[in-house]
C-alpha atoms as a PDB file:
ATOM      1  CA  MET A   1      49.981 122.206  48.443  1.00  0.00           C
ATOM      2  CA  PRO A   2      49.223 122.036  52.412  1.00  0.00           C
ATOM      3  CA  ALA A   3      45.452 121.506  53.113  1.00  0.00           C
ATOM      4  CA  PRO A   4      43.700 124.721  53.822  1.00  0.00           C
ATOM      5  CA  PHE A   5      42.210 124.198  57.226  1.00  0.00           C
ATOM      6  CA  ALA A   6      42.740 121.714  60.519  1.00  0.00           C
ATOM      7  CA  ILE A   7      41.409 120.901  63.349  1.00  0.00           C
ATOM      8  CA  GLY A   8      43.122 121.143  66.831  1.00  0.00           C
ATOM      9  CA  LEU A   9      41.520 119.351  69.835  1.00  0.00           C
ATOM     10  CA  ASP A  10      43.038 120.518  73.383  1.00  0.00           C
ATOM     11  CA  ILE A  11      41.865 117.722  75.658  1.00  0.00           C
ATOM     12  CA  GLY A  12      41.870 118.941  79.724  1.00  0.00           C
ATOM     13  CA  GLY A  13      40.333 116.726  82.600  1.00  0.00           C
ATOM     14  CA  THR A  14      37.304 119.438  82.823  1.00  0.00           C
ATOM     15  CA  SER A  15      36.679 120.121  79.026  1.00  0.00           C
ATOM     16  CA  VAL A  16      37.807 119.437  75.487  1.00  0.00           C
ATOM     17  CA  VAL A  17      38.110 122.508  73.430  1.00  0.00           C
ATOM     18  CA  GLY A  18      37.842 121.875  69.600  1.00  0.00           C
ATOM     19  CA  ALA A  19      38.453 124.167  66.758  1.00  0.00           C
ATOM     20  CA  VAL A  20      38.762 124.270  62.588  1.00  0.00           C
ATOM     21  CA  VAL A  21      41.616 126.648  62.227  1.00  0.00           C
ATOM     22  CA  ALA A  22      42.355 127.868  59.001  1.00  0.00           C
ATOM     23  CA  ALA A  23      46.049 128.169  57.529  1.00  0.00           C
ATOM     24  CA  ASP A  24      46.493 131.525  58.599  1.00  0.00           C
ATOM     25  CA  GLY A  25      45.593 131.390  62.361  1.00  0.00           C
ATOM     26  CA  ARG A  26      42.448 132.257  61.945  1.00  0.00           C
ATOM     27  CA  ILE A  27      39.488 130.232  64.058  1.00  0.00           C
ATOM     28  CA  VAL A  28      36.870 129.433  61.937  1.00  0.00           C
ATOM     29  CA  SER A  29      34.728 127.670  64.644  1.00  0.00           C
ATOM     30  CA  ARG A  30      34.980 126.705  68.312  1.00  0.00           C
ATOM     31  CA  ARG A  31      33.312 124.419  70.233  1.00  0.00           C
ATOM     32  CA  SER A  32      33.673 122.845  73.730  1.00  0.00           C
ATOM     33  CA  ILE A  33      32.258 119.824  75.328  1.00  0.00           C
ATOM     34  CA  PRO A  34      32.786 117.998  78.919  1.00  0.00           C
ATOM     35  CA  SER A  35      35.605 115.707  79.176  1.00  0.00           C
ATOM     36  CA  ARG A  36      33.460 113.149  81.162  1.00  0.00           C
ATOM     37  CA  SER A  37      36.123 110.584  80.794  1.00  0.00           C
ATOM     38  CA  GLN A  38      34.945 108.510  83.884  1.00  0.00           C
ATOM     39  CA  GLN A  39      32.347 107.418  81.226  1.00  0.00           C
ATOM     40  CA  GLY A  40      35.085 105.062  79.530  1.00  0.00           C
ATOM     41  CA  ILE A  41      36.907 105.000  76.190  1.00  0.00           C
ATOM     42  CA  ALA A  42      34.260 103.777  74.114  1.00  0.00           C
ATOM     43  CA  ASP A  43      32.019 107.131  74.961  1.00  0.00           C
ATOM     44  CA  GLY A  44      34.715 109.013  74.904  1.00  0.00           C
ATOM     45  CA  LEU A  45      36.094 108.584  71.321  1.00  0.00           C
ATOM     46  CA  ARG A  46      32.392 108.684  70.380  1.00  0.00           C
ATOM     47  CA  ARG A  47      31.944 111.693  71.700  1.00  0.00           C
ATOM     48  CA  LEU A  48      35.478 113.293  70.339  1.00  0.00           C
ATOM     49  CA  GLU A  49      34.621 112.332  67.128  1.00  0.00           C
ATOM     50  CA  ALA A  50      30.986 114.109  67.142  1.00  0.00           C
ATOM     51  CA  LEU A  51      32.726 117.202  68.238  1.00  0.00           C
ATOM     52  CA  ALA A  52      35.123 116.889  65.390  1.00  0.00           C
ATOM     53  CA  ARG A  53      32.301 116.126  62.786  1.00  0.00           C
ATOM     54  CA  THR A  54      30.188 119.388  64.761  1.00  0.00           C
ATOM     55  CA  LEU A  55      33.107 121.864  64.246  1.00  0.00           C
ATOM     56  CA  LEU A  56      33.445 121.017  60.409  1.00  0.00           C
ATOM     57  CA  ASP A  57      29.831 121.354  59.531  1.00  0.00           C
ATOM     58  CA  GLN A  58      30.016 124.806  61.646  1.00  0.00           C
ATOM     59  CA  ALA A  59      32.852 126.202  59.612  1.00  0.00           C
ATOM     60  CA  GLN A  60      31.018 124.216  56.335  1.00  0.00           C
ATOM     61  CA  VAL A  61      34.546 122.613  55.795  1.00  0.00           C
ATOM     62  CA  SER A  62      34.542 119.032  54.185  1.00  0.00           C
ATOM     63  CA  VAL A  63      36.746 116.508  55.411  1.00  0.00           C
ATOM     64  CA  ASN A  64      38.484 116.484  52.167  1.00  0.00           C
ATOM     65  CA  ASP A  65      40.037 120.348  53.261  1.00  0.00           C
ATOM     66  CA  ILE A  66      41.654 119.395  56.396  1.00  0.00           C
ATOM     67  CA  ALA A  67      45.378 118.497  57.143  1.00  0.00           C
ATOM     68  CA  GLY A  68      44.099 116.225  60.145  1.00  0.00           C
ATOM     69  CA  VAL A  69      43.589 116.502  63.579  1.00  0.00           C
ATOM     70  CA  GLY A  70      46.010 117.480  65.740  1.00  0.00           C
ATOM     71  CA  ILE A  71      45.673 116.859  69.499  1.00  0.00           C
ATOM     72  CA  GLY A  72      47.274 118.218  72.968  1.00  0.00           C
ATOM     73  CA  SER A  73      46.247 116.373  75.947  1.00  0.00           C
ATOM     74  CA  SER A  74      47.352 116.773  79.773  1.00  0.00           C
ATOM     75  CA  GLY A  75      49.700 114.132  80.287  1.00  0.00           C
ATOM     76  CA  PRO A  76      51.098 111.082  80.484  1.00  0.00           C
ATOM     77  CA  ILE A  77      50.732 110.625  76.818  1.00  0.00           C
ATOM     78  CA  ASP A  78      52.481 108.244  74.454  1.00  0.00           C
ATOM     79  CA  ALA A  79      53.027 110.240  71.489  1.00  0.00           C
ATOM     80  CA  GLU A  80      54.731 107.600  69.429  1.00  0.00           C
ATOM     81  CA  THR A  81      51.317 105.260  70.240  1.00  0.00           C
ATOM     82  CA  GLY A  82      48.862 108.195  69.719  1.00  0.00           C
ATOM     83  CA  ARG A  83      47.461 107.166  73.250  1.00  0.00           C
ATOM     84  CA  ILE A  84      46.585 109.226  76.373  1.00  0.00           C
ATOM     85  CA  HIS A  85      48.070 107.782  79.725  1.00  0.00           C
ATOM     86  CA  ASN A  86      46.644 110.132  82.687  1.00  0.00           C
ATOM     87  CA  PRO A  87      44.662 108.438  85.124  1.00  0.00           C
ATOM     88  CA  PHE A  88      45.127 111.718  87.314  1.00  0.00           C
ATOM     89  CA  THR A  89      42.988 114.234  85.459  1.00  0.00           C
ATOM     90  CA  LEU A  90      41.189 111.791  82.654  1.00  0.00           C
ATOM     91  CA  PRO A  91      40.189 108.603  84.825  1.00  0.00           C
ATOM     92  CA  GLY A  92      38.239 106.328  82.485  1.00  0.00           C
ATOM     93  CA  TRP A  93      40.311 107.429  79.517  1.00  0.00           C
ATOM     94  CA  ASP A  94      44.004 105.365  80.382  1.00  0.00           C
ATOM     95  CA  GLY A  95      45.028 104.294  77.175  1.00  0.00           C
ATOM     96  CA  ILE A  96      42.448 105.759  74.832  1.00  0.00           C
ATOM     97  CA  PRO A  97      43.707 105.330  71.304  1.00  0.00           C
ATOM     98  CA  VAL A  98      42.616 108.865  70.185  1.00  0.00           C
ATOM     99  CA  VAL A  99      45.162 108.945  67.160  1.00  0.00           C
ATOM    100  CA  ASP A 100      44.482 105.796  65.535  1.00  0.00           C
ATOM    101  CA  HIS A 101      40.855 106.725  65.979  1.00  0.00           C
ATOM    102  CA  PHE A 102      40.823 109.845  64.018  1.00  0.00           C
ATOM    103  CA  ARG A 103      42.849 107.965  61.180  1.00  0.00           C
ATOM    104  CA  GLU A 104      40.222 105.446  61.040  1.00  0.00           C
ATOM    105  CA  THR A 105      37.091 107.057  61.101  1.00  0.00           C
ATOM    106  CA  LEU A 106      38.079 110.465  59.199  1.00  0.00           C
ATOM    107  CA  GLY A 107      40.701 109.054  57.417  1.00  0.00           C
ATOM    108  CA  VAL A 108      42.841 112.069  57.727  1.00  0.00           C
ATOM    109  CA  PRO A 109      46.690 112.349  59.859  1.00  0.00           C
ATOM    110  CA  SER A 110      46.535 112.885  63.359  1.00  0.00           C
ATOM    111  CA  CYS A 111      49.091 113.313  66.016  1.00  0.00           C
ATOM    112  CA  LEU A 112      49.244 113.632  69.633  1.00  0.00           C
ATOM    113  CA  ILE A 113      51.337 115.597  71.957  1.00  0.00           C
ATOM    114  CA  GLY A 114      51.255 117.407  75.301  1.00  0.00           C
ATOM    115  CA  ASP A 115      48.945 120.338  76.335  1.00  0.00           C
ATOM    116  CA  CYS A 116      51.352 122.855  77.089  1.00  0.00           C
ATOM    117  CA  GLN A 117      53.427 122.021  73.853  1.00  0.00           C
ATOM    118  CA  ILE A 118      50.517 123.178  71.785  1.00  0.00           C
ATOM    119  CA  GLY A 119      49.978 125.950  73.567  1.00  0.00           C
ATOM    120  CA  ALA A 120      53.577 126.894  72.742  1.00  0.00           C
ATOM    121  CA  LEU A 121      53.019 125.996  69.269  1.00  0.00           C
ATOM    122  CA  GLY A 122      50.221 128.394  69.122  1.00  0.00           C
ATOM    123  CA  GLU A 123      51.643 131.518  70.898  1.00  0.00           C
ATOM    124  CA  HIS A 124      55.046 130.720  68.592  1.00  0.00           C
ATOM    125  CA  TRP A 125      52.938 130.783  65.367  1.00  0.00           C
ATOM    126  CA  ASN A 126      50.256 133.399  65.626  1.00  0.00           C
ATOM    127  CA  GLY A 127      50.755 134.844  69.189  1.00  0.00           C
ATOM    128  CA  ALA A 128      52.771 137.001  71.384  1.00  0.00           C
ATOM    129  CA  GLY A 129      55.685 134.276  70.725  1.00  0.00           C
ATOM    130  CA  ARG A 130      55.781 135.241  66.765  1.00  0.00           C
ATOM    131  CA  GLY A 131      59.600 135.656  65.592  1.00  0.00           C
ATOM    132  CA  ALA A 132      61.291 134.439  68.145  1.00  0.00           C
ATOM    133  CA  ARG A 133      64.048 132.008  67.211  1.00  0.00           C
ATOM    134  CA  THR A 134      63.606 130.380  70.780  1.00  0.00           C
ATOM    135  CA  MET A 135      60.831 130.615  73.305  1.00  0.00           C
ATOM    136  CA  VAL A 136      59.467 129.528  76.457  1.00  0.00           C
ATOM    137  CA  TYR A 137      55.801 129.080  76.945  1.00  0.00           C
ATOM    138  CA  VAL A 138      54.547 128.874  80.401  1.00  0.00           C
ATOM    139  CA  THR A 139      51.152 127.959  81.334  1.00  0.00           C
ATOM    140  CA  VAL A 140      49.898 129.035  84.946  1.00  0.00           C
ATOM    141  CA  GLY A 141      46.631 127.703  86.070  1.00  0.00           C
ATOM    142  CA  THR A 142      45.555 124.447  88.142  1.00  0.00           C
ATOM    143  CA  GLY A 143      49.271 123.490  87.663  1.00  0.00           C
ATOM    144  CA  ILE A 144      52.013 125.194  85.832  1.00  0.00           C
ATOM    145  CA  GLY A 145      53.313 123.591  82.578  1.00  0.00           C
ATOM    146  CA  GLY A 146      55.718 124.681  79.767  1.00  0.00           C
ATOM    147  CA  GLY A 147      57.185 124.358  76.249  1.00  0.00           C
ATOM    148  CA  VAL A 148      59.882 125.191  74.710  1.00  0.00           C
ATOM    149  CA  ILE A 149      60.714 126.308  71.155  1.00  0.00           C
ATOM    150  CA  ALA A 150      64.351 125.589  70.066  1.00  0.00           C
ATOM    151  CA  ASN A 151      65.910 127.299  67.101  1.00  0.00           C
ATOM    152  CA  GLY A 152      62.302 127.445  65.745  1.00  0.00           C
ATOM    153  CA  ARG A 153      60.930 124.259  66.448  1.00  0.00           C
ATOM    154  CA  LEU A 154      59.460 122.271  69.081  1.00  0.00           C
ATOM    155  CA  TYR A 155      61.705 120.455  71.920  1.00  0.00           C
ATOM    156  CA  ARG A 156      60.317 117.098  72.528  1.00  0.00           C
ATOM    157  CA  GLY A 157      61.881 115.735  75.795  1.00  0.00           C
ATOM    158  CA  LEU A 158      61.652 112.425  76.983  1.00  0.00           C
ATOM    159  CA  GLY A 159      58.052 111.657  77.039  1.00  0.00           C
ATOM    160  CA  ASP A 160      56.894 114.576  75.519  1.00  0.00           C
ATOM    161  CA  SER A 161      57.668 116.194  78.938  1.00  0.00           C
ATOM    162  CA  ASN A 162      58.419 119.448  79.923  1.00  0.00           C
ATOM    163  CA  GLU A 163      57.450 119.757  83.703  1.00  0.00           C
ATOM    164  CA  VAL A 164      58.975 123.187  84.341  1.00  0.00           C
ATOM    165  CA  GLY A 165      56.512 123.531  86.989  1.00  0.00           C
ATOM    166  CA  HIS A 166      58.617 121.220  89.180  1.00  0.00           C
ATOM    167  CA  HIS A 167      61.781 122.911  89.395  1.00  0.00           C
ATOM    168  CA  VAL A 168      62.317 123.567  92.854  1.00  0.00           C
ATOM    169  CA  ILE A 169      62.563 127.302  94.089  1.00  0.00           C
ATOM    170  CA  ASP A 170      62.185 126.751  97.487  1.00  0.00           C
ATOM    171  CA  LEU A 171      64.211 123.758  99.118  1.00  0.00           C
ATOM    172  CA  ASP A 172      62.016 124.164 102.256  1.00  0.00           C
ATOM    173  CA  GLY A 173      58.650 124.861 100.876  1.00  0.00           C
ATOM    174  CA  PRO A 174      55.528 122.828 100.565  1.00  0.00           C
ATOM    175  CA  GLU A 175      55.702 119.289  99.805  1.00  0.00           C
ATOM    176  CA  CYS A 176      54.896 118.551  96.300  1.00  0.00           C
ATOM    177  CA  TYR A 177      52.999 115.251  94.830  1.00  0.00           C
ATOM    178  CA  CYS A 178      55.768 114.868  92.701  1.00  0.00           C
ATOM    179  CA  GLY A 179      58.088 113.999  95.758  1.00  0.00           C
ATOM    180  CA  ALA A 180      59.874 116.898  96.046  1.00  0.00           C
ATOM    181  CA  ARG A 181      59.548 120.169  98.119  1.00  0.00           C
ATOM    182  CA  GLY A 182      59.076 123.761  97.140  1.00  0.00           C
ATOM    183  CA  CYS A 183      58.363 123.327  93.158  1.00  0.00           C
ATOM    184  CA  TRP A 184      57.412 126.166  91.473  1.00  0.00           C
ATOM    185  CA  GLU A 185      53.747 124.678  91.306  1.00  0.00           C
ATOM    186  CA  MET A 186      53.356 124.371  94.968  1.00  0.00           C
ATOM    187  CA  LEU A 187      54.108 128.010  95.536  1.00  0.00           C
ATOM    188  CA  ALA A 188      52.729 129.763  92.266  1.00  0.00           C
ATOM    189  CA  ALA A 189      49.930 127.921  90.415  1.00  0.00           C
ATOM    190  CA  GLY A 190      46.253 128.613  91.041  1.00  0.00           C
ATOM    191  CA  PRO A 191      45.443 126.640  93.965  1.00  0.00           C
ATOM    192  CA  ALA A 192      48.541 127.120  95.875  1.00  0.00           C
ATOM    193  CA  ILE A 193      47.704 130.953  95.739  1.00  0.00           C
ATOM    194  CA  ALA A 194      44.252 130.164  96.827  1.00  0.00           C
ATOM    195  CA  LYS A 195      45.588 127.872  99.647  1.00  0.00           C
ATOM    196  CA  MET A 196      47.833 130.791 101.100  1.00  0.00           C
ATOM    197  CA  ALA A 197      45.242 133.343 100.414  1.00  0.00           C
ATOM    198  CA  ALA A 198      42.491 131.755 102.267  1.00  0.00           C
ATOM    199  CA  SER A 199      44.743 130.656 105.374  1.00  0.00           C
ATOM    200  CA  GLU A 200      46.588 134.186 105.542  1.00  0.00           C
ATOM    201  CA  ALA A 201      43.729 136.696 104.856  1.00  0.00           C
ATOM    202  CA  PRO A 202      42.876 138.817 107.763  1.00  0.00           C
ATOM    203  CA  HIS A 203      39.368 139.208 109.068  1.00  0.00           C
ATOM    204  CA  ASN A 204      38.962 142.677 108.047  1.00  0.00           C
ATOM    205  CA  SER A 205      40.717 142.232 104.600  1.00  0.00           C
ATOM    206  CA  LEU A 206      38.883 143.098 101.414  1.00  0.00           C
ATOM    207  CA  LEU A 207      39.428 139.572  99.777  1.00  0.00           C
ATOM    208  CA  LEU A 208      37.634 138.022 102.583  1.00  0.00           C
ATOM    209  CA  THR A 209      34.765 140.457 102.211  1.00  0.00           C
ATOM    210  CA  LEU A 210      34.846 139.772  98.557  1.00  0.00           C
ATOM    211  CA  ALA A 211      34.583 136.109  99.267  1.00  0.00           C
ATOM    212  CA  ASP A 212      31.326 136.486 101.240  1.00  0.00           C
ATOM    213  CA  GLY A 213      33.358 135.570 104.481  1.00  0.00           C
ATOM    214  CA  GLN A 214      33.972 131.925 102.873  1.00  0.00           C
ATOM    215  CA  ARG A 215      37.494 131.099 102.804  1.00  0.00           C
ATOM    216  CA  GLU A 216      37.002 128.351 100.483  1.00  0.00           C
ATOM    217  CA  GLN A 217      35.412 130.739  98.012  1.00  0.00           C
ATOM    218  CA  ILE A 218      38.801 132.372  97.474  1.00  0.00           C
ATOM    219  CA  SER A 219      40.856 132.149  94.561  1.00  0.00           C
ATOM    220  CA  ALA A 220      43.548 133.646  92.509  1.00  0.00           C
ATOM    221  CA  ARG A 221      41.296 135.350  90.646  1.00  0.00           C
ATOM    222  CA  LEU A 222      39.684 137.125  93.582  1.00  0.00           C
ATOM    223  CA  LEU A 223      43.048 137.467  94.647  1.00  0.00           C
ATOM    224  CA  THR A 224      44.063 139.980  91.734  1.00  0.00           C
ATOM    225  CA  GLU A 225      40.369 141.649  91.923  1.00  0.00           C
ATOM    226  CA  ALA A 226      40.872 142.613  95.895  1.00  0.00           C
ATOM    227  CA  ALA A 227      44.560 143.591  95.048  1.00  0.00           C
ATOM    228  CA  ALA A 228      43.400 145.956  92.068  1.00  0.00           C
ATOM    229  CA  LEU A 229      40.709 147.763  94.593  1.00  0.00           C
ATOM    230  CA  GLY A 230      43.958 148.436  96.961  1.00  0.00           C
ATOM    231  CA  ASP A 231      43.446 145.594  99.710  1.00  0.00           C
ATOM    232  CA  PRO A 232      46.472 145.674 101.600  1.00  0.00           C
ATOM    233  CA  PHE A 233      46.888 142.436 102.513  1.00  0.00           C
ATOM    234  CA  SER A 234      46.009 141.163  98.574  1.00  0.00           C
ATOM    235  CA  LEU A 235      48.776 143.430  97.511  1.00  0.00           C
ATOM    236  CA  ARG A 236      51.055 141.883  99.794  1.00  0.00           C
ATOM    237  CA  LEU A 237      50.303 138.525  98.883  1.00  0.00           C
ATOM    238  CA  VAL A 238      50.521 139.310  94.910  1.00  0.00           C
ATOM    239  CA  ASP A 239      53.748 141.047  95.302  1.00  0.00           C
ATOM    240  CA  ARG A 240      54.779 137.853  96.640  1.00  0.00           C
ATOM    241  CA  VAL A 241      53.526 135.271  94.244  1.00  0.00           C
ATOM    242  CA  GLY A 242      54.758 137.469  91.465  1.00  0.00           C
ATOM    243  CA  THR A 243      58.372 136.901  93.066  1.00  0.00           C
ATOM    244  CA  TYR A 244      57.899 133.393  92.702  1.00  0.00           C
ATOM    245  CA  LEU A 245      56.612 133.498  89.059  1.00  0.00           C
ATOM    246  CA  GLY A 246      59.938 135.915  88.827  1.00  0.00           C
ATOM    247  CA  VAL A 247      62.197 133.436  90.259  1.00  0.00           C
ATOM    248  CA  GLY A 248      61.290 130.478  88.153  1.00  0.00           C
ATOM    249  CA  VAL A 249      60.981 132.766  84.987  1.00  0.00           C
ATOM    250  CA  ALA A 250      64.963 134.072  85.432  1.00  0.00           C
ATOM    251  CA  ASN A 251      65.668 130.522  85.944  1.00  0.00           C
ATOM    252  CA  LEU A 252      64.312 129.384  83.027  1.00  0.00           C
ATOM    253  CA  ILE A 253      65.592 132.354  81.030  1.00  0.00           C
ATOM    254  CA  ASN A 254      69.284 131.368  82.688  1.00  0.00           C
ATOM    255  CA  ILE A 255      68.765 128.019  81.167  1.00  0.00           C
ATOM    256  CA  PHE A 256      67.307 128.277  77.883  1.00  0.00           C
ATOM    257  CA  GLY A 257      68.658 131.874  76.698  1.00  0.00           C
ATOM    258  CA  PRO A 258      65.382 132.659  75.096  1.00  0.00           C
ATOM    259  CA  ASP A 259      64.163 135.203  72.906  1.00  0.00           C
ATOM    260  CA  ALA A 260      61.010 135.375  74.624  1.00  0.00           C
ATOM    261  CA  VAL A 261      59.018 134.046  77.535  1.00  0.00           C
ATOM    262  CA  ILE A 262      55.001 134.032  76.967  1.00  0.00           C
ATOM    263  CA  LEU A 263      53.140 133.000  80.297  1.00  0.00           C
ATOM    264  CA  GLY A 264      49.808 132.093  79.630  1.00  0.00           C
ATOM    265  CA  GLY A 265      46.565 130.295  81.431  1.00  0.00           C
ATOM    266  CA  GLY A 266      44.252 131.216  84.160  1.00  0.00           C
ATOM    267  CA  VAL A 267      46.300 132.856  86.703  1.00  0.00           C
ATOM    268  CA  MET A 268      48.375 134.772  84.020  1.00  0.00           C
ATOM    269  CA  LEU A 269      44.621 136.686  83.227  1.00  0.00           C
ATOM    270  CA  GLY A 270      45.903 138.613  86.451  1.00  0.00           C
ATOM    271  CA  TRP A 271      49.065 139.512  84.243  1.00  0.00           C
ATOM    272  CA  ASP A 272      48.683 143.279  85.447  1.00  0.00           C
ATOM    273  CA  SER A 273      49.003 142.725  89.080  1.00  0.00           C
ATOM    274  CA  PHE A 274      51.770 140.249  89.053  1.00  0.00           C
ATOM    275  CA  ALA A 275      54.029 141.421  86.491  1.00  0.00           C
ATOM    276  CA  PRO A 276      55.678 144.404  88.493  1.00  0.00           C
ATOM    277  CA  SER A 277      57.300 142.102  90.877  1.00  0.00           C
ATOM    278  CA  LEU A 278      57.925 139.192  88.399  1.00  0.00           C
ATOM    279  CA  LEU A 279      59.787 141.609  86.151  1.00  0.00           C
ATOM    280  CA  ARG A 280      61.510 142.643  89.207  1.00  0.00           C
ATOM    281  CA  THR A 281      62.561 139.633  90.690  1.00  0.00           C
ATOM    282  CA  VAL A 282      63.848 138.975  86.903  1.00  0.00           C
ATOM    283  CA  ASN A 283      65.904 141.718  86.391  1.00  0.00           C
ATOM    284  CA  SER A 284      67.820 141.272  89.845  1.00  0.00           C
ATOM    285  CA  ARG A 285      68.667 137.566  88.784  1.00  0.00           C
ATOM    286  CA  GLY A 286      69.318 137.586  85.152  1.00  0.00           C
ATOM    287  CA  LYS A 287      73.127 139.343  85.257  1.00  0.00           C
ATOM    288  CA  MET A 288      74.176 136.706  83.139  1.00  0.00           C
ATOM    289  CA  VAL A 289      71.938 136.948  80.231  1.00  0.00           C
ATOM    290  CA  ARG A 290      71.118 139.593  78.064  1.00  0.00           C
ATOM    291  CA  LEU A 291      67.909 140.730  79.518  1.00  0.00           C
ATOM    292  CA  ASP A 292      67.215 143.741  77.092  1.00  0.00           C
ATOM    293  CA  GLN A 293      67.132 141.195  74.170  1.00  0.00           C
ATOM    294  CA  VAL A 294      64.297 138.933  76.127  1.00  0.00           C
ATOM    295  CA  ARG A 295      60.863 139.568  75.854  1.00  0.00           C
ATOM    296  CA  ILE A 296      58.664 138.543  78.558  1.00  0.00           C
ATOM    297  CA  ALA A 297      54.939 139.192  77.664  1.00  0.00           C
ATOM    298  CA  PRO A 298      51.529 137.614  78.653  1.00  0.00           C
ATOM    299  CA  SER A 299      49.662 135.455  76.115  1.00  0.00           C
ATOM    300  CA  GLU A 300      47.771 136.908  73.114  1.00  0.00           C
ATOM    301  CA  LEU A 301      45.538 134.070  72.476  1.00  0.00           C
ATOM    302  CA  GLY A 302      44.541 133.374  76.300  1.00  0.00           C
ATOM    303  CA  LEU A 303      42.089 130.019  76.155  1.00  0.00           C
ATOM    304  CA  ASN A 304      42.820 129.897  72.210  1.00  0.00           C
ATOM    305  CA  ALA A 305      46.329 128.996  72.541  1.00  0.00           C
ATOM    306  CA  GLY A 306      46.336 125.461  72.625  1.00  0.00           C
ATOM    307  CA  VAL A 307      43.572 124.837  69.976  1.00  0.00           C
ATOM    308  CA  THR A 308      45.490 126.799  67.573  1.00  0.00           C
ATOM    309  CA  GLY A 309      48.756 124.947  68.299  1.00  0.00           C
ATOM    310  CA  ALA A 310      47.141 121.767  68.240  1.00  0.00           C
ATOM    311  CA  ALA A 311      45.991 122.776  64.429  1.00  0.00           C
ATOM    312  CA  ARG A 312      49.709 123.679  63.672  1.00  0.00           C
ATOM    313  CA  ALA A 313      50.610 120.401  64.974  1.00  0.00           C
ATOM    314  CA  ILE A 314      49.508 118.591  62.439  1.00  0.00           C
ATOM    315  CA  TRP A 315      50.505 120.676  59.658  1.00  0.00           C
ATOM    316  CA  LEU A 316      54.296 120.305  61.192  1.00  0.00           C
ATOM    317  CA  HIS A 317      53.605 116.549  61.283  1.00  0.00           C
ATOM    318  CA  ASN A 318      52.526 116.393  58.056  1.00  0.00           C
ATOM    319  CA  ALA A 319      56.029 117.934  56.809  1.00  0.00           C
ATOM    320  CA  GLY A 320      57.946 116.147  58.971  1.00  0.00           C
ATOM    321  CA  GLU A 321      58.680 118.937  61.054  1.00  0.00           C
ATOM    322  CA  LEU A 322      57.252 117.823  64.347  1.00  0.00           C
END
């Protein structure tokens, strides 16, 4: 009989979020700590273990009652060796052996997959993607990432990578750090939205007023706030970004033919602002698929999608289904 609880960890460049999750998807305890990867591997392993033990204490759950520790991390990662290789957003943790550490210190199974993949697992299991046979999960935040559930199982590409944010939607678009131009991420992720808004906002715009006249304070969230208040410039830019998002979503629908596309991440907290032009664009580009059977929706789990999916990952790992 599967263990009634699992620990899920979601490791990002700024923070690590952890949770004890019950077998029905309920979060029993939740806590976050700063990543502080620059302090090195030994410090990181110590603090990750301390986080796991604190979560168990808060949930009043014994280590004997957990299936193990499922870990999702911003990549690159090596799922086979259980190590993170991300000098870009986790400097100082390159090669950190997170899986071996939890196996040795807690004496339980552990597994490592990508951070967008745990988001996909979470939403498919207990969120907006429930019941979908094939689902595409897209997270729009500092970057754009994705995970795919194909025929009910997590699709794992080469190196556990699903870099949907780096498919090109504008050949003449801005240069991307990946070497291409016009990547989806360069046009519709949070920093790209903030950059466009800051450079284009008129001096008399409500957006600039909300930013206290400081263009460097403009963010995607502030843009949607100004749009909701009727600022003409912000409404136009939100419409443009929604179009960019819609082009990318339409491409993914045409490629995968999913039952559902679920959008999460910080930028998608502004779903109501972006949805009209996003959906309009998808509908104009989806004549080769049955769009009436594709559900496009925002995340239900929000910022808990990652830890929920990470916990789900260890149960699937133990069952040989990951």
